[in-house]
């Protein structure tokens, strides 16, 4: 990586003039199954860093290479998290009401800070999450899963996205925040709207902030054994505004990614006969399947964002100070330079980038694993003979510049089995850590 001579910004990535036709990451034309072909095309044309568009005229770089993504994720000197460095909005080239800004606009939260400020906020969030007992969390997830399944099991058919994968993380997160069910439902809806990058995203973000502010006020008056109260009492001494925006990041990331992970895993089990056979035969565990899904279908395919702090040559492109770089997690996982010769990841290998890398690696990945594992385990036990109710090619997807996720997963099944253990009321919490090193890339 070498420095480039400085030149005036053109309001788009320096090596990305219009004639290069940045590939659009927005619009309904791409499904999750189309993305691998797009990544291969971009890699062939541009190498490990490619020009893309997040909205009309909103250009960025998509980091496709595994090693390049690790560099961007780990190097805060050349690649900052602070969106106030982004050239396009500073030059008035991104409208204030752009749906892209609802997800990447600056806030005082760990996702948008570097260095000491980031470490301070991350310590508070990680500590608040780590104090959730794993046994209690597992019981909470199992109870919620059984109750959701009971609601539709008698019909012997269901749509596992809205009826299960989307509702389960929201119910669990509601309890962990110490919120009531009505607030939890509204938070989940607002989180989905914020991440959707559509015309209502800005309004959804404001609705989420109002809900969280009311919850913070309540916990100031009546603290409890919940994440909000722990953040308020943490020695990092976060302001109410910092607590609010770090909670917003936690709600969006925790809810959206976990529900997408559960849905993608269920889809893989229903549509990949070899994978399902290996799971049923005991050659793969549910944990193995979950990790393989993180390699092939990570819940967030395009993670925003980093901003170049100087002009430099990177991944074969002329990146200018203020350019946005989007982390192509799914593309980097498929980088042929790091996959085995067969082109498929090995079961049990956790060196995928689904949780990010570097100082901003997801602090809640073990909790997410427990929720996803339990969700899949309970469903497999309760619903024998589970099968897709429509051809795979008719599955419907939702689209944003950041994710392509299932909108529906209609299934049929035989008569349900009873819950393995009678559902008991969970004990955490009723309404009113050091970061692991990133593993080395897999060998060829």
Protein backbone atom coordinates (compact mmCIF):
# COMPACT_ATOMS: atom_id res chain seq x y z
CA UNK A 1 0.00 0.00 0.00
CA UNK A 2 1.61 3.25 -1.14
CA UNK A 3 0.63 6.90 -0.76
CA UNK A 4 -0.72 8.76 -3.77
CA UNK A 5 -0.23 12.40 -4.68
CA UNK A 6 -3.08 14.52 -3.39
CA UNK A 7 -5.71 15.78 -5.83
CA UNK A 8 -9.10 17.43 -5.36
CA UNK A 9 -11.95 15.05 -4.62
CA UNK A 10 -14.48 14.42 -7.37
CA UNK A 11 -17.15 13.44 -4.85
CA UNK A 12 -16.80 9.75 -5.67
CA UNK A 13 -14.08 7.14 -5.14
CA UNK A 14 -10.91 8.41 -6.73
CA UNK A 15 -10.49 5.49 -9.12
CA UNK A 16 -14.21 5.15 -9.70
CA UNK A 17 -15.25 7.54 -12.52
CA UNK A 18 -18.66 7.06 -14.06
CA UNK A 19 -17.24 5.21 -17.05
CA UNK A 20 -16.34 2.31 -14.75
CA UNK A 21 -20.03 1.74 -13.99
CA UNK A 22 -20.04 0.95 -10.28
CA UNK A 23 -22.12 -2.16 -9.62
CA UNK A 24 -25.37 -1.29 -7.80
CA UNK A 25 -25.84 -2.97 -4.41
CA UNK A 26 -29.34 -1.52 -4.09
CA UNK A 27 -32.67 -2.50 -5.65
CA UNK A 28 -34.57 -5.80 -5.86
CA UNK A 29 -32.63 -7.20 -8.81
CA UNK A 30 -30.23 -9.21 -6.61
CA UNK A 31 -31.25 -12.14 -4.42
CA UNK A 32 -28.98 -13.82 -1.92
CA UNK A 33 -28.29 -16.55 -4.48
CA UNK A 34 -27.20 -13.98 -7.07
CA UNK A 35 -24.50 -12.43 -4.90
CA UNK A 36 -21.77 -15.08 -5.44
CA UNK A 37 -21.91 -14.50 -9.20
CA UNK A 38 -21.70 -10.74 -8.66
CA UNK A 39 -18.65 -11.13 -6.41
CA UNK A 40 -16.93 -13.36 -8.98
CA UNK A 41 -17.63 -10.84 -11.73
CA UNK A 42 -16.34 -7.91 -9.66
CA UNK A 43 -13.26 -9.86 -8.60
CA UNK A 44 -12.49 -10.71 -12.23
CA UNK A 45 -12.96 -7.13 -13.44
CA UNK A 46 -11.44 -5.17 -10.58
CA UNK A 47 -9.51 -7.45 -8.23
CA UNK A 48 -9.97 -7.48 -4.43
CA UNK A 49 -11.46 -3.94 -4.24
CA UNK A 50 -14.28 -2.95 -6.58
CA UNK A 51 -16.40 0.18 -7.28
CA UNK A 52 -20.05 -0.11 -6.21
CA UNK A 53 -23.07 2.15 -5.69
CA UNK A 54 -25.20 2.13 -2.53
CA UNK A 55 -27.85 4.37 -4.13
CA UNK A 56 -27.94 6.39 -7.34
CA UNK A 57 -24.80 8.53 -7.33
CA UNK A 58 -23.66 7.26 -3.91
CA UNK A 59 -20.44 5.46 -4.74
CA UNK A 60 -18.15 3.41 -2.51
CA UNK A 61 -15.54 0.68 -2.65
CA UNK A 62 -16.51 -2.92 -1.89
CA UNK A 63 -13.64 -4.85 -0.28
CA UNK A 64 -13.84 -8.37 -1.75
CA UNK A 65 -10.48 -9.81 -0.71
CA UNK A 66 -10.07 -11.67 2.58
CA UNK A 67 -6.65 -10.26 3.38
CA UNK A 68 -7.63 -6.78 2.20
CA UNK A 69 -10.70 -6.87 4.43
CA UNK A 70 -8.59 -7.86 7.41
CA UNK A 71 -6.31 -4.89 6.70
CA UNK A 72 -9.23 -2.46 6.52
CA UNK A 73 -10.86 -3.88 9.66
CA UNK A 74 -7.67 -3.80 11.73
CA UNK A 75 -6.01 -0.58 10.60
CA UNK A 76 -7.65 2.45 12.22
CA UNK A 77 -4.83 4.71 11.09
CA UNK A 78 -5.66 4.44 7.38
CA UNK A 79 -9.32 3.41 7.68
CA UNK A 80 -11.51 5.21 10.18
CA UNK A 81 -15.01 4.31 11.42
CA UNK A 82 -16.01 7.96 11.70
CA UNK A 83 -18.53 8.80 8.91
CA UNK A 84 -17.86 12.51 9.38
CA UNK A 85 -14.80 11.86 7.20
CA UNK A 86 -16.99 10.74 4.28
CA UNK A 87 -16.48 13.08 1.32
CA UNK A 88 -19.86 12.73 -0.40
CA UNK A 89 -22.12 14.13 2.33
CA UNK A 90 -19.56 16.80 3.22
CA UNK A 91 -19.80 18.01 -0.38
CA UNK A 92 -23.60 17.84 -0.34
CA UNK A 93 -23.76 14.86 -2.69
CA UNK A 94 -25.88 12.67 -0.36
CA UNK A 95 -29.33 14.09 0.47
CA UNK A 96 -29.99 14.57 4.18
CA UNK A 97 -32.99 12.24 3.90
CA UNK A 98 -31.09 9.52 2.03
CA UNK A 99 -32.02 6.06 3.36
CA UNK A 100 -28.31 5.19 3.35
CA UNK A 101 -27.62 7.77 6.06
CA UNK A 102 -30.12 6.18 8.45
CA UNK A 103 -27.65 3.32 8.87
CA UNK A 104 -24.28 5.01 8.48
CA UNK A 105 -24.79 8.58 9.74
CA UNK A 106 -22.56 9.51 12.68
CA UNK A 107 -23.74 8.85 16.23
CA UNK A 108 -21.86 8.67 19.57
CA UNK A 109 -21.70 4.86 19.51
CA UNK A 110 -18.99 2.21 19.29
CA UNK A 111 -19.76 1.55 15.60
CA UNK A 112 -18.75 5.09 14.62
CA UNK A 113 -15.66 5.70 16.75
CA UNK A 114 -11.99 4.75 16.81
CA UNK A 115 -9.24 4.38 19.37
CA UNK A 116 -9.81 5.32 23.00
CA UNK A 117 -13.44 6.37 22.54
CA UNK A 118 -14.26 3.08 20.87
CA UNK A 119 -12.51 1.04 23.56
CA UNK A 120 -14.39 2.92 26.28
CA UNK A 121 -17.81 2.29 24.72
CA UNK A 122 -17.01 -1.27 23.68
CA UNK A 123 -15.93 -2.15 27.21
CA UNK A 124 -19.28 -1.00 28.56
CA UNK A 125 -21.32 -2.87 25.93
CA UNK A 126 -19.23 -6.05 26.15
CA UNK A 127 -19.42 -6.08 29.97
CA UNK A 128 -23.20 -5.55 29.91
CA UNK A 129 -23.62 -8.45 27.51
CA UNK A 130 -21.15 -10.74 29.29
CA UNK A 131 -23.07 -10.51 32.57
CA UNK A 132 -25.96 -12.42 30.99
CA UNK A 133 -25.74 -15.97 32.35
CA UNK A 134 -25.47 -18.50 29.48
CA UNK A 135 -27.66 -21.11 31.22
CA UNK A 136 -30.38 -18.57 31.85
CA UNK A 137 -30.11 -17.28 28.29
CA UNK A 138 -30.44 -20.82 26.93
CA UNK A 139 -33.54 -21.41 29.01
CA UNK A 140 -35.01 -18.10 27.92
CA UNK A 141 -34.45 -18.94 24.22
CA UNK A 142 -35.89 -22.45 24.58
CA UNK A 143 -38.98 -21.15 26.36
CA UNK A 144 -39.56 -18.51 23.68
CA UNK A 145 -38.95 -21.03 20.87
CA UNK A 146 -41.39 -23.56 22.30
CA UNK A 147 -44.09 -20.93 22.70
CA UNK A 148 -43.67 -19.68 19.14
CA UNK A 149 -43.84 -23.23 17.78
CA UNK A 150 -46.91 -24.02 19.90
CA UNK A 151 -48.68 -21.08 18.25
CA UNK A 152 -48.50 -22.60 14.74
CA UNK A 153 -47.68 -26.30 15.23
CA UNK A 154 -51.29 -27.48 15.07
CA UNK A 155 -51.67 -26.19 11.50
CA UNK A 156 -48.81 -28.42 10.26
CA UNK A 157 -47.61 -25.53 8.12
CA UNK A 158 -45.94 -22.22 8.82
CA UNK A 159 -43.75 -19.48 7.39
CA UNK A 160 -40.59 -19.85 9.44
CA UNK A 161 -39.32 -16.33 8.73
CA UNK A 162 -42.12 -14.14 10.17
CA UNK A 163 -43.50 -16.81 12.52
CA UNK A 164 -40.21 -17.98 14.02
CA UNK A 165 -36.80 -16.67 12.86
CA UNK A 166 -37.83 -13.01 13.09
CA UNK A 167 -39.83 -13.22 16.30
CA UNK A 168 -37.48 -15.30 18.43
CA UNK A 169 -34.47 -12.92 18.62
CA UNK A 170 -36.83 -9.99 19.21
CA UNK A 171 -38.48 -11.73 22.17
CA UNK A 172 -35.14 -12.68 23.66
CA UNK A 173 -33.68 -9.20 23.21
CA UNK A 174 -36.80 -7.69 24.76
CA UNK A 175 -36.21 -9.67 27.95
CA UNK A 176 -32.49 -8.88 28.01
CA UNK A 177 -33.25 -5.17 27.75
CA UNK A 178 -35.80 -5.40 30.56
CA UNK A 179 -38.54 -4.07 28.27
CA UNK A 180 -42.20 -5.07 28.06
CA UNK A 181 -43.47 -7.05 25.06
CA UNK A 182 -45.15 -4.08 23.39
CA UNK A 183 -41.94 -2.04 23.53
CA UNK A 184 -39.99 -5.04 22.30
CA UNK A 185 -42.21 -5.47 19.25
CA UNK A 186 -41.91 -1.80 18.38
CA UNK A 187 -38.14 -1.88 18.79
CA UNK A 188 -37.85 -4.90 16.48
CA UNK A 189 -40.00 -3.18 13.84
CA UNK A 190 -37.96 0.02 14.09
CA UNK A 191 -34.68 -1.91 13.88
CA UNK A 192 -35.82 -3.69 10.72
CA UNK A 193 -36.93 -0.39 9.20
CA UNK A 194 -33.64 1.33 10.01
CA UNK A 195 -31.61 -1.44 8.34
CA UNK A 196 -33.88 -1.65 5.28
CA UNK A 197 -32.41 1.47 3.63
CA UNK A 198 -35.75 2.59 2.23
CA UNK A 199 -37.82 5.78 2.34
CA UNK A 200 -38.97 5.11 5.91
CA UNK A 201 -35.55 4.29 7.36
CA UNK A 202 -34.95 7.73 8.85
CA UNK A 203 -38.38 7.71 10.53
CA UNK A 204 -37.75 4.18 11.80
CA UNK A 205 -34.48 5.35 13.35
CA UNK A 206 -36.24 8.19 15.12
CA UNK A 207 -38.95 5.83 16.43
CA UNK A 208 -36.27 3.54 17.83
CA UNK A 209 -34.53 6.44 19.55
CA UNK A 210 -37.77 7.57 21.22
CA UNK A 211 -38.45 4.05 22.49
CA UNK A 212 -34.92 3.65 23.82
CA UNK A 213 -34.92 7.07 25.46
CA UNK A 214 -38.12 6.18 27.35
CA UNK A 215 -36.56 2.87 28.39
CA UNK A 216 -33.42 4.64 29.65
CA UNK A 217 -35.53 7.04 31.71
CA UNK A 218 -37.39 4.10 33.22
CA UNK A 219 -34.18 2.28 34.13
CA UNK A 220 -32.76 5.44 35.69
CA UNK A 221 -35.75 5.38 38.05
CA UNK A 222 -35.98 1.61 38.49
CA UNK A 223 -32.77 -0.24 37.55
CA UNK A 224 -32.87 -4.01 37.20
CA UNK A 225 -30.78 -7.00 36.07
CA UNK A 226 -30.80 -5.96 32.41
CA UNK A 227 -28.48 -4.59 29.74
CA UNK A 228 -29.82 -1.03 29.92
CA UNK A 229 -29.29 -0.77 33.68
CA UNK A 230 -25.79 -2.23 33.38
CA UNK A 231 -24.81 0.31 30.74
CA UNK A 232 -26.11 3.16 32.88
CA UNK A 233 -24.14 1.96 35.91
CA UNK A 234 -20.91 1.02 34.09
CA UNK A 235 -17.64 2.67 35.24
CA UNK A 236 -17.14 3.96 31.70
CA UNK A 237 -19.72 6.61 32.69
CA UNK A 238 -21.57 6.75 29.37
CA UNK A 239 -23.89 9.71 28.93
CA UNK A 240 -27.58 9.02 28.32
CA UNK A 241 -27.02 9.92 24.67
CA UNK A 242 -24.15 7.41 24.43
CA UNK A 243 -26.23 4.74 26.15
CA UNK A 244 -29.10 5.40 23.73
CA UNK A 245 -27.01 5.12 20.57
CA UNK A 246 -25.02 2.11 21.76
CA UNK A 247 -28.32 0.41 22.58
CA UNK A 248 -29.57 1.29 19.09
CA UNK A 249 -26.51 -0.39 17.55
CA UNK A 250 -27.05 -3.41 19.81
CA UNK A 251 -30.74 -3.69 18.92
CA UNK A 252 -30.21 -3.40 15.17
CA UNK A 253 -27.17 -5.68 15.04
CA UNK A 254 -28.48 -8.21 17.56
CA UNK A 255 -31.94 -8.53 16.10
CA UNK A 256 -31.23 -8.31 12.37
CA UNK A 257 -28.16 -10.53 12.19
CA UNK A 258 -29.47 -13.24 14.50
CA UNK A 259 -32.81 -13.58 12.71
CA UNK A 260 -31.03 -13.68 9.32
CA UNK A 261 -28.63 -16.34 10.64
CA UNK A 262 -31.48 -18.54 11.89
CA UNK A 263 -33.43 -18.17 8.64
CA UNK A 264 -30.37 -18.89 6.48
CA UNK A 265 -29.54 -22.00 8.52
CA UNK A 266 -33.08 -23.36 8.26
CA UNK A 267 -33.08 -22.70 4.53
CA UNK A 268 -29.75 -24.52 4.11
CA UNK A 269 -31.07 -27.53 6.02
CA UNK A 270 -34.20 -27.61 3.85
CA UNK A 271 -32.53 -27.14 0.47
CA UNK A 272 -29.13 -28.88 0.77
CA UNK A 273 -29.73 -32.66 0.91
CA UNK A 274 -26.07 -33.46 1.60
CA UNK A 275 -25.91 -31.06 4.50
CA UNK A 276 -29.17 -32.32 5.98
CA UNK A 277 -28.07 -35.94 5.58
CA UNK A 278 -24.79 -35.22 7.34
CA UNK A 279 -26.65 -33.51 10.16
CA UNK A 280 -29.25 -36.28 10.55
CA UNK A 281 -26.53 -38.92 10.39
CA UNK A 282 -24.42 -37.30 13.09
CA UNK A 283 -21.52 -36.40 10.78
CA UNK A 284 -22.20 -32.72 11.38
CA UNK A 285 -23.46 -31.02 14.51
CA UNK A 286 -25.82 -28.04 14.55
CA UNK A 287 -22.81 -25.91 15.51
CA UNK A 288 -20.98 -27.17 12.40
CA UNK A 289 -23.95 -26.23 10.22
CA UNK A 290 -24.19 -22.79 11.81
CA UNK A 291 -20.51 -22.11 11.04
CA UNK A 292 -20.84 -23.34 7.45
CA UNK A 293 -23.77 -20.96 7.02
CA UNK A 294 -21.64 -18.10 8.35
CA UNK A 295 -19.11 -18.91 5.63
CA UNK A 296 -21.58 -19.25 2.76
CA UNK A 297 -24.50 -17.00 3.75
CA UNK A 298 -23.38 -14.54 6.45
CA UNK A 299 -26.32 -12.59 7.95
CA UNK A 300 -24.78 -9.29 6.85
CA UNK A 301 -23.12 -9.48 3.47
CA UNK A 302 -21.90 -5.87 3.24
CA UNK A 303 -20.84 -4.25 6.49
CA UNK A 304 -20.66 -0.44 6.63
CA UNK A 305 -18.25 1.23 6.68
CA UNK A 306 -14.70 2.55 6.84
CA UNK A 307 -13.40 5.87 5.50
CA UNK A 308 -9.94 6.37 4.07
CA UNK A 309 -7.94 8.87 6.12
CA UNK A 310 -5.47 9.59 3.29
CA UNK A 311 -4.93 9.00 -0.41
CA UNK A 312 -3.47 5.55 -1.00
CA UNK A 313 -3.13 2.70 -3.44
CA UNK A 314 -5.12 -0.22 -2.06
CA UNK A 315 -6.26 -3.48 -3.64
CA UNK A 316 -5.19 -2.22 -7.06
CA UNK A 317 -7.35 0.92 -6.77
CA UNK A 318 -6.65 4.60 -6.21
CA UNK A 319 -8.52 5.22 -2.95
CA UNK A 320 -8.82 8.87 -1.92
CA UNK A 321 -9.12 10.38 1.53
CA UNK A 322 -12.78 10.46 2.46
CA UNK A 323 -13.82 7.53 0.26
CA UNK A 324 -16.15 5.00 1.86
CA UNK A 325 -15.09 1.35 1.94
CA UNK A 326 -17.76 -1.30 2.53
CA UNK A 327 -16.59 -4.59 4.04
CA UNK A 328 -17.79 -7.40 1.74
CA UNK A 329 -18.00 -10.11 4.39
CA UNK A 330 -19.66 -12.69 2.11
CA UNK A 331 -17.30 -11.90 -0.76
CA UNK A 332 -14.20 -12.17 1.44
CA UNK A 333 -15.40 -15.50 2.82
CA UNK A 334 -15.51 -16.76 -0.79
CA UNK A 335 -12.07 -15.43 -1.70
CA UNK A 336 -10.43 -18.28 -3.67
CA UNK A 337 -7.01 -17.23 -2.34
CA UNK A 338 -7.88 -18.48 1.15
CA UNK A 339 -10.43 -21.26 0.62
CA UNK A 340 -9.32 -24.92 0.41
CA UNK A 341 -8.68 -26.29 -3.07
CA UNK A 342 -12.19 -27.75 -3.20
CA UNK A 343 -13.53 -24.21 -2.89
CA UNK A 344 -15.66 -25.02 0.17
CA UNK A 345 -14.98 -24.17 3.83
CA UNK A 346 -14.20 -26.97 6.26
CA UNK A 347 -16.72 -27.72 9.01
CA UNK A 348 -15.62 -26.28 12.34
CA UNK A 349 -13.40 -23.59 10.82
CA UNK A 350 -14.27 -20.27 12.50
CA UNK A 351 -11.92 -18.04 10.53
CA UNK A 352 -14.79 -16.65 8.47
CA UNK A 353 -15.45 -12.91 8.67
CA UNK A 354 -19.18 -13.01 9.40
CA UNK A 355 -18.63 -11.26 12.75
CA UNK A 356 -16.15 -8.77 11.35
CA UNK A 357 -12.53 -8.54 12.44
CA UNK A 358 -10.14 -6.34 14.37
CA UNK A 359 -11.12 -3.95 17.18
CA UNK A 360 -14.75 -3.88 16.02
CA UNK A 361 -15.35 -7.64 16.00
CA UNK A 362 -18.91 -8.31 17.18
CA UNK A 363 -18.90 -8.40 21.02
CA UNK A 364 -22.07 -10.52 21.16
CA UNK A 365 -21.13 -13.43 18.93
CA UNK A 366 -21.25 -16.11 21.63
CA UNK A 367 -24.70 -14.97 22.74
CA UNK A 368 -25.81 -14.98 19.09
CA UNK A 369 -24.45 -18.50 18.65
CA UNK A 370 -26.38 -19.72 21.67
CA UNK A 371 -29.63 -18.16 20.42
CA UNK A 372 -29.22 -19.53 16.89
CA UNK A 373 -28.17 -23.00 18.05
CA UNK A 374 -31.08 -23.30 20.45
CA UNK A 375 -33.54 -22.01 17.84
CA UNK A 376 -32.45 -24.65 15.33
CA UNK A 377 -32.26 -27.45 17.91
CA UNK A 378 -35.76 -26.83 19.24
CA UNK A 379 -37.30 -26.60 15.78
CA UNK A 380 -35.64 -29.84 14.61
CA UNK A 381 -36.91 -31.68 17.67
CA UNK A 382 -40.44 -30.28 17.60
CA UNK A 383 -41.26 -30.48 13.86
CA UNK A 384 -40.41 -33.85 12.28
CA UNK A 385 -40.64 -34.18 8.51
CA UNK A 386 -39.97 -30.48 7.97
CA UNK A 387 -39.96 -29.63 4.23
CA UNK A 388 -40.29 -26.62 1.96
CA UNK A 389 -43.84 -25.86 0.84
CA UNK A 390 -42.71 -24.12 -2.39
CA UNK A 391 -39.91 -24.71 -4.91
CA UNK A 392 -36.65 -23.18 -3.74
CA UNK A 393 -36.52 -20.79 -6.69
CA UNK A 394 -39.81 -19.22 -5.54
CA UNK A 395 -38.45 -18.09 -2.18
CA UNK A 396 -38.82 -14.34 -1.65
CA UNK A 397 -35.97 -12.06 -0.57
CA UNK A 398 -35.70 -8.64 1.03
CA UNK A 399 -33.03 -6.29 -0.24
CA UNK A 400 -30.91 -3.45 1.07
CA UNK A 401 -27.36 -2.37 0.21
CA UNK A 402 -26.20 -4.26 3.31
CA UNK A 403 -28.11 -7.54 3.26
CA UNK A 404 -30.08 -9.91 1.09
CA UNK A 405 -32.19 -11.98 3.48
CA UNK A 406 -35.17 -14.28 3.24
CA UNK A 407 -38.58 -12.64 3.50
CA UNK A 408 -40.39 -15.98 3.67
CA UNK A 409 -39.66 -19.66 4.26
CA UNK A 410 -42.99 -21.55 3.95
CA UNK A 411 -42.83 -25.13 5.23
CA UNK A 412 -44.99 -28.14 5.97
CA UNK A 413 -44.35 -30.80 8.61
CA UNK A 414 -45.82 -33.86 10.29
CA UNK A 415 -47.61 -33.72 13.63
CA UNK A 416 -45.52 -31.77 16.15
CA UNK A 417 -43.69 -33.38 19.02
CA UNK A 418 -44.18 -32.02 22.53
CA UNK A 419 -41.60 -29.72 24.04
CA UNK A 420 -38.58 -31.60 25.38
CA UNK A 421 -38.87 -29.88 28.76
CA UNK A 422 -41.96 -28.07 30.06
CA UNK A 423 -41.52 -24.37 29.52
CA UNK A 424 -40.64 -22.64 32.79
CA UNK A 425 -40.80 -18.90 33.30
CA UNK A 426 -37.33 -17.46 32.62
CA UNK A 427 -35.57 -15.71 35.45
CA UNK A 428 -33.61 -13.12 33.42
CA UNK A 429 -34.52 -10.32 33.42
CA UNK A 430 -38.23 -9.58 33.93
CA UNK A 431 -39.59 -6.27 32.66
CA UNK A 432 -40.27 -3.39 35.40
CA UNK A 433 -14.77 -8.78 28.03
CA UNK A 434 -11.74 -8.95 26.32
CA UNK A 435 -11.79 -9.25 22.58
CA UNK A 436 -10.72 -12.58 21.14
CA UNK A 437 -7.91 -12.47 18.55
CA UNK A 438 -8.95 -12.90 14.95
CA UNK A 439 -7.90 -16.37 13.78
CA UNK A 440 -5.54 -16.69 10.81
CA UNK A 441 -7.04 -17.25 7.36
CA UNK A 442 -7.62 -20.87 6.33
CA UNK A 443 -4.90 -22.44 4.28
CA UNK A 444 -5.31 -23.14 0.57
